[in-house]
N, C-alpha and C. Protein backbone atom coordinates (compact mmCIF):
# COMPACT_ATOMS: atom_id res chain seq x y z
N UNK A 1 30.94 8.17 7.78
CA UNK A 1 31.53 9.44 8.05
C UNK A 1 32.41 9.95 6.92
N UNK A 2 32.40 9.27 5.75
CA UNK A 2 33.22 9.76 4.65
C UNK A 2 32.46 9.53 3.34
N UNK A 3 32.92 10.23 2.31
CA UNK A 3 32.32 10.04 0.99
C UNK A 3 32.68 8.66 0.46
N UNK A 4 31.79 8.10 -0.32
CA UNK A 4 32.00 6.75 -0.85
C UNK A 4 31.45 6.72 -2.28
N UNK A 5 32.26 6.22 -3.22
CA UNK A 5 31.82 6.09 -4.61
C UNK A 5 30.86 4.89 -4.68
N UNK A 6 29.67 5.12 -5.22
CA UNK A 6 28.66 4.07 -5.32
C UNK A 6 28.20 3.91 -6.75
N UNK A 7 27.57 2.78 -7.00
CA UNK A 7 26.96 2.52 -8.30
C UNK A 7 25.52 2.12 -8.05
N UNK A 8 24.65 2.50 -8.95
CA UNK A 8 23.25 2.15 -8.79
C UNK A 8 22.65 1.67 -10.10
N UNK A 9 21.68 0.78 -9.98
CA UNK A 9 20.94 0.31 -11.16
C UNK A 9 19.47 0.29 -10.82
N UNK A 10 18.66 0.52 -11.84
CA UNK A 10 17.21 0.51 -11.67
C UNK A 10 16.61 -0.33 -12.79
N UNK A 11 15.77 -1.29 -12.45
CA UNK A 11 15.03 -2.08 -13.43
C UNK A 11 13.64 -1.46 -13.54
N UNK A 12 13.26 -1.10 -14.75
CA UNK A 12 11.98 -0.40 -14.97
C UNK A 12 11.14 -1.20 -15.94
N UNK A 13 9.85 -1.30 -15.64
CA UNK A 13 8.89 -1.97 -16.52
C UNK A 13 8.73 -1.08 -17.75
N UNK A 14 9.04 -1.59 -18.95
CA UNK A 14 9.11 -0.73 -20.12
C UNK A 14 7.79 -0.10 -20.55
N UNK A 15 6.69 -0.78 -20.36
CA UNK A 15 5.41 -0.23 -20.84
C UNK A 15 4.88 0.90 -19.96
N UNK A 16 4.91 0.71 -18.65
CA UNK A 16 4.33 1.72 -17.77
C UNK A 16 5.33 2.56 -17.00
N UNK A 17 6.61 2.16 -17.05
CA UNK A 17 7.64 2.93 -16.37
C UNK A 17 7.73 2.70 -14.87
N UNK A 18 7.07 1.64 -14.37
CA UNK A 18 7.13 1.38 -12.93
C UNK A 18 8.46 0.71 -12.56
N UNK A 19 8.96 1.05 -11.39
CA UNK A 19 10.22 0.49 -10.90
C UNK A 19 9.98 -0.93 -10.41
N UNK A 20 10.78 -1.88 -10.89
CA UNK A 20 10.67 -3.28 -10.50
C UNK A 20 11.71 -3.67 -9.45
N UNK A 21 12.90 -3.05 -9.54
CA UNK A 21 14.01 -3.43 -8.67
C UNK A 21 15.04 -2.31 -8.67
N UNK A 22 15.69 -2.10 -7.55
CA UNK A 22 16.79 -1.14 -7.47
C UNK A 22 17.97 -1.82 -6.80
N UNK A 23 19.17 -1.35 -7.13
CA UNK A 23 20.38 -1.89 -6.53
C UNK A 23 21.37 -0.77 -6.30
N UNK A 24 21.93 -0.72 -5.12
CA UNK A 24 22.97 0.24 -4.77
C UNK A 24 24.16 -0.56 -4.25
N UNK A 25 25.36 -0.29 -4.77
CA UNK A 25 26.53 -1.05 -4.33
C UNK A 25 27.76 -0.17 -4.30
N UNK A 26 28.77 -0.62 -3.53
CA UNK A 26 30.05 0.07 -3.48
C UNK A 26 31.14 -0.94 -3.20
N UNK A 27 32.35 -0.59 -3.59
CA UNK A 27 33.49 -1.50 -3.50
C UNK A 27 34.38 -1.22 -2.30
N UNK A 28 34.38 0.02 -1.79
CA UNK A 28 35.23 0.33 -0.64
C UNK A 28 34.83 -0.56 0.52
N UNK A 29 35.80 -1.02 1.31
CA UNK A 29 35.46 -1.90 2.44
C UNK A 29 34.49 -1.24 3.41
N UNK A 30 33.50 -1.93 3.85
CA UNK A 30 33.14 -3.27 3.40
C UNK A 30 32.40 -3.21 2.07
N UNK A 31 32.69 -4.13 1.16
CA UNK A 31 31.96 -4.21 -0.10
C UNK A 31 30.50 -4.47 0.24
N UNK A 32 29.60 -3.76 -0.43
CA UNK A 32 28.20 -3.85 -0.04
C UNK A 32 27.27 -3.75 -1.22
N UNK A 33 26.09 -4.31 -1.03
CA UNK A 33 25.02 -4.19 -2.03
C UNK A 33 23.69 -4.19 -1.30
N UNK A 34 22.82 -3.31 -1.72
CA UNK A 34 21.46 -3.24 -1.18
C UNK A 34 20.51 -3.34 -2.37
N UNK A 35 19.67 -4.37 -2.36
CA UNK A 35 18.73 -4.62 -3.46
C UNK A 35 17.32 -4.54 -2.91
N UNK A 36 16.46 -3.78 -3.58
CA UNK A 36 15.04 -3.69 -3.21
C UNK A 36 14.23 -4.19 -4.39
N UNK A 37 13.33 -5.14 -4.11
CA UNK A 37 12.43 -5.68 -5.12
C UNK A 37 11.03 -5.13 -4.87
N UNK A 38 10.36 -4.72 -5.95
CA UNK A 38 9.05 -4.10 -5.85
C UNK A 38 7.99 -5.00 -6.49
N UNK A 39 6.79 -4.95 -5.96
CA UNK A 39 5.68 -5.70 -6.52
C UNK A 39 4.42 -4.87 -6.47
N UNK A 40 3.48 -5.23 -7.26
CA UNK A 40 2.23 -4.47 -7.34
C UNK A 40 1.31 -4.84 -6.19
N UNK A 41 0.79 -3.85 -5.50
CA UNK A 41 -0.21 -4.05 -4.46
C UNK A 41 -1.54 -3.58 -5.03
N UNK A 42 -2.43 -4.52 -5.27
CA UNK A 42 -3.70 -4.18 -5.92
C UNK A 42 -4.57 -3.31 -5.03
N UNK A 43 -4.47 -3.48 -3.70
CA UNK A 43 -5.26 -2.65 -2.79
C UNK A 43 -4.89 -1.18 -2.87
N UNK A 44 -3.62 -0.88 -3.07
CA UNK A 44 -3.16 0.50 -3.19
C UNK A 44 -3.12 0.96 -4.64
N UNK A 45 -3.08 0.00 -5.57
CA UNK A 45 -2.98 0.36 -6.98
C UNK A 45 -1.62 0.92 -7.35
N UNK A 46 -0.58 0.44 -6.69
CA UNK A 46 0.77 0.95 -6.93
C UNK A 46 1.79 -0.13 -6.64
N UNK A 47 3.00 0.06 -7.16
CA UNK A 47 4.12 -0.82 -6.80
C UNK A 47 4.66 -0.37 -5.46
N UNK A 48 5.00 -1.34 -4.63
CA UNK A 48 5.52 -1.08 -3.29
C UNK A 48 6.72 -1.99 -3.05
N UNK A 49 7.60 -1.65 -2.12
CA UNK A 49 8.70 -2.57 -1.80
C UNK A 49 8.16 -3.88 -1.25
N UNK A 50 8.66 -5.00 -1.77
CA UNK A 50 8.27 -6.32 -1.28
C UNK A 50 9.38 -6.95 -0.43
N UNK A 51 10.65 -6.68 -0.81
CA UNK A 51 11.77 -7.25 -0.07
C UNK A 51 13.01 -6.38 -0.27
N UNK A 52 13.85 -6.35 0.77
CA UNK A 52 15.13 -5.66 0.68
C UNK A 52 16.21 -6.61 1.20
N UNK A 53 17.26 -6.79 0.42
CA UNK A 53 18.38 -7.63 0.81
C UNK A 53 19.63 -6.77 0.89
N UNK A 54 20.35 -6.89 2.00
CA UNK A 54 21.61 -6.17 2.19
C UNK A 54 22.73 -7.19 2.38
N UNK A 55 23.88 -6.91 1.78
CA UNK A 55 25.04 -7.78 1.93
C UNK A 55 26.28 -6.91 2.16
N UNK A 56 27.02 -7.22 3.21
CA UNK A 56 28.24 -6.50 3.55
C UNK A 56 29.36 -7.53 3.66
N UNK A 57 30.45 -7.33 2.91
CA UNK A 57 31.55 -8.29 2.86
C UNK A 57 32.86 -7.59 3.20
N UNK A 58 33.62 -8.18 4.12
CA UNK A 58 34.94 -7.66 4.47
C UNK A 58 35.87 -8.85 4.68
N UNK A 59 37.12 -8.56 5.06
CA UNK A 59 38.06 -9.65 5.31
C UNK A 59 37.69 -10.46 6.54
N UNK A 60 36.75 -9.97 7.34
CA UNK A 60 36.31 -10.71 8.54
C UNK A 60 35.07 -11.56 8.28
N UNK A 61 34.50 -11.50 7.06
CA UNK A 61 33.34 -12.33 6.75
C UNK A 61 32.26 -11.54 6.02
N UNK A 62 31.12 -12.18 5.86
CA UNK A 62 29.99 -11.59 5.15
C UNK A 62 28.77 -11.59 6.05
N UNK A 63 28.06 -10.48 6.03
CA UNK A 63 26.80 -10.35 6.75
C UNK A 63 25.71 -10.08 5.73
N UNK A 64 24.63 -10.88 5.79
CA UNK A 64 23.51 -10.70 4.87
C UNK A 64 22.23 -10.57 5.68
N UNK A 65 21.40 -9.63 5.28
CA UNK A 65 20.10 -9.45 5.93
C UNK A 65 19.02 -9.33 4.88
N UNK A 66 17.82 -9.78 5.21
CA UNK A 66 16.70 -9.69 4.29
C UNK A 66 15.46 -9.28 5.06
N UNK A 67 14.77 -8.28 4.57
CA UNK A 67 13.50 -7.82 5.14
C UNK A 67 12.42 -8.00 4.11
N UNK A 68 11.26 -8.45 4.53
CA UNK A 68 10.10 -8.54 3.63
C UNK A 68 9.00 -7.65 4.16
N UNK A 69 8.21 -7.11 3.25
CA UNK A 69 7.17 -6.15 3.60
C UNK A 69 5.82 -6.65 3.10
N UNK A 70 4.82 -6.61 3.96
CA UNK A 70 3.47 -7.06 3.61
C UNK A 70 2.45 -6.17 4.30
N UNK A 71 1.19 -6.44 4.01
CA UNK A 71 0.07 -5.79 4.69
C UNK A 71 0.10 -4.27 4.57
N UNK A 72 0.29 -3.78 3.37
CA UNK A 72 0.27 -2.34 3.14
C UNK A 72 -1.15 -1.83 3.34
N UNK A 73 -1.24 -0.66 3.95
CA UNK A 73 -2.54 -0.03 4.17
C UNK A 73 -2.45 1.44 3.86
N UNK A 74 -3.57 2.00 3.47
CA UNK A 74 -3.65 3.43 3.19
C UNK A 74 -4.29 4.10 4.40
N UNK A 75 -3.60 5.09 4.94
CA UNK A 75 -4.13 5.84 6.06
C UNK A 75 -4.61 7.19 5.57
N UNK A 76 -5.72 7.64 6.12
CA UNK A 76 -6.26 8.94 5.73
C UNK A 76 -6.50 9.76 6.99
N UNK A 77 -6.33 11.04 6.82
CA UNK A 77 -6.61 11.97 7.91
C UNK A 77 -7.46 13.10 7.38
N UNK A 78 -8.07 13.80 8.26
CA UNK A 78 -8.87 14.97 7.88
C UNK A 78 -8.67 16.03 8.96
N UNK A 79 -8.81 17.26 8.57
CA UNK A 79 -8.67 18.36 9.53
C UNK A 79 -9.70 19.42 9.19
N UNK A 80 -10.10 20.13 10.22
CA UNK A 80 -11.04 21.23 10.03
C UNK A 80 -10.55 22.40 10.87
N UNK A 81 -10.47 23.57 10.25
CA UNK A 81 -10.04 24.77 10.94
C UNK A 81 -11.27 25.45 11.51
N UNK A 82 -11.24 25.70 12.82
CA UNK A 82 -12.36 26.38 13.49
C UNK A 82 -11.88 27.74 13.96
N UNK A 83 -12.59 28.76 13.53
CA UNK A 83 -12.24 30.14 13.95
C UNK A 83 -12.88 30.49 15.26
């Protein structure tokens, strides 16, 4: 519910410019960092998120969570306008 000063970093593959990793963090309580790691999915032909780690730290302790992502699929739709 309030503005928060944050810092961000992006790791980029130098040859093709693809994003490898991102990080967003802030120091105001609770101190936090969110890191997303990307990997290439050959089925889609693109980099996709592979894992996200979140860490929140305060005077009451630290909470860490990690999500992993798999089984990416491409969905297609079609539409036809009938007069």
